[in-house]
Amino acid sequence: MSTSPINASLGIAFPIPRHRLAYRGATRYLTYTSAMADEDTVLEEAMDNLKEAGQRIRATQSLMRSQGMTDGENHRDLLTRLSTALAMTEAAYLEARRRRDL
């Protein structure tokens, strides 16, 4: 397991899981070798995290619907915030993908 050089330069070592160092769908592997990570690597990491966040938000919405928590006013604010969070997460994912493809 590698450690992030950005955090290592601060004297803090956080492990980076091996699956986070690999390009998705590619056969080559990336390693952090300089103090600054490659921009494409950062954008790939952001996209992975945003994709996972969107899946978790959708799962929460689905769970709330299955438990009948969409009826009434008790959870209206939470459902609105989840919808907003999902929209922002999807927008951030699209922006990261757009910047990676430049």
Protein backbone atom coordinates (compact mmCIF):
# COMPACT_ATOMS: atom_id res chain seq x y z
CA MET A 1 0.00 0.00 0.00
CA SER A 2 1.37 3.44 -0.92
CA THR A 3 1.10 6.65 0.99
CA SER A 4 0.09 9.99 -0.40
CA PRO A 5 3.14 12.22 -0.93
CA ILE A 6 1.03 15.31 -0.28
CA ASN A 7 0.20 14.11 3.22
CA ALA A 8 3.64 12.54 3.66
CA SER A 9 5.25 15.95 3.14
CA LEU A 10 3.26 17.14 6.15
CA GLY A 11 4.60 14.26 8.19
CA ILE A 12 1.25 12.46 7.99
CA ALA A 13 0.96 9.14 6.15
CA PHE A 14 -2.44 8.04 4.93
CA PRO A 15 -2.59 4.74 3.04
CA ILE A 16 -3.90 4.83 -0.52
CA PRO A 17 -5.71 1.61 -1.39
CA ARG A 18 -4.23 -0.14 -4.40
CA HIS A 19 -7.57 0.00 -6.25
CA ARG A 20 -7.40 3.80 -6.01
CA LEU A 21 -4.07 3.83 -7.85
CA ALA A 22 -5.39 2.01 -10.91
CA TYR A 23 -7.07 3.62 -13.87
CA ARG A 24 -10.55 2.20 -14.25
CA GLY A 25 -10.83 0.09 -17.41
CA ALA A 26 -7.14 0.39 -18.26
CA THR A 27 -4.31 -2.08 -17.92
CA ARG A 28 -1.65 0.28 -16.62
CA TYR A 29 -1.25 1.25 -12.99
CA LEU A 30 -0.46 4.64 -11.55
CA THR A 31 1.76 5.37 -8.63
CA TYR A 32 2.30 8.59 -6.78
CA THR A 33 5.94 9.45 -7.46
CA SER A 34 6.04 13.23 -7.07
CA ALA A 35 4.79 15.66 -4.47
CA MET A 36 1.88 16.63 -6.71
CA ALA A 37 -0.36 13.96 -8.18
CA ASP A 38 -1.00 14.06 -11.92
CA GLU A 39 -4.09 16.16 -12.74
CA ASP A 40 -5.76 13.29 -14.62
CA THR A 41 -5.22 11.03 -11.61
CA VAL A 42 -6.86 13.57 -9.32
CA LEU A 43 -9.81 13.94 -11.70
CA GLU A 44 -10.18 10.15 -11.97
CA GLU A 45 -10.17 9.92 -8.17
CA ALA A 46 -12.77 12.69 -7.96
CA MET A 47 -14.96 10.92 -10.51
CA ASP A 48 -14.73 7.62 -8.61
CA ASN A 49 -15.65 9.32 -5.34
CA LEU A 50 -18.51 11.29 -6.89
CA LYS A 51 -19.89 8.20 -8.58
CA GLU A 52 -19.87 6.34 -5.26
CA ALA A 53 -21.46 9.31 -3.47
CA GLY A 54 -24.27 9.41 -6.05
CA GLN A 55 -24.91 5.70 -5.59
CA ARG A 56 -25.09 6.12 -1.81
CA ILE A 57 -27.48 9.07 -2.06
CA ARG A 58 -29.72 7.12 -4.46
CA ALA A 59 -29.66 4.14 -2.09
CA THR A 60 -30.70 6.38 0.81
CA GLN A 61 -33.56 7.85 -1.22
CA SER A 62 -34.68 4.37 -2.23
CA LEU A 63 -34.56 3.12 1.35
CA MET A 64 -36.61 6.08 2.55
CA ARG A 65 -39.20 5.45 -0.18
CA SER A 66 -39.42 1.75 0.66
CA GLN A 67 -40.05 2.62 4.32
CA GLY A 68 -42.80 5.09 3.45
CA MET A 69 -40.79 8.05 4.67
CA THR A 70 -41.75 10.19 1.67
CA ASP A 71 -45.27 10.79 2.95
CA GLY A 72 -45.98 13.70 5.24
CA GLU A 73 -43.88 16.60 6.43
CA ASN A 74 -41.57 14.80 8.87
CA HIS A 75 -38.85 14.05 6.32
CA ARG A 76 -39.61 16.59 3.58
CA ASP A 77 -36.54 18.72 4.34
CA LEU A 78 -34.23 15.70 4.35
CA LEU A 79 -35.63 14.43 1.05
CA THR A 80 -35.19 17.88 -0.49
CA ARG A 81 -31.59 18.02 0.71
CA LEU A 82 -30.89 14.53 -0.64
CA SER A 83 -32.29 15.52 -4.04
CA THR A 84 -30.19 18.68 -4.03
CA ALA A 85 -27.09 16.74 -2.96
CA LEU A 86 -27.62 14.23 -5.77
CA ALA A 87 -28.01 16.99 -8.36
CA MET A 88 -24.83 18.72 -7.13
CA THR A 89 -22.93 15.42 -7.04
CA GLU A 90 -23.96 14.62 -10.61
CA ALA A 91 -23.01 18.13 -11.75
CA ALA A 92 -19.58 17.83 -10.10
CA TYR A 93 -19.04 14.43 -11.74
CA LEU A 94 -19.86 15.85 -15.17
CA GLU A 95 -17.54 18.81 -14.59
CA ALA A 96 -14.66 16.54 -13.51
CA ARG A 97 -15.21 14.37 -16.61
CA ARG A 98 -15.32 17.45 -18.85
CA ARG A 99 -12.05 18.75 -17.41
CA ARG A 100 -10.37 15.34 -17.71
CA ASP A 101 -11.33 15.15 -21.38
CA LEU A 102 -9.89 18.60 -22.22
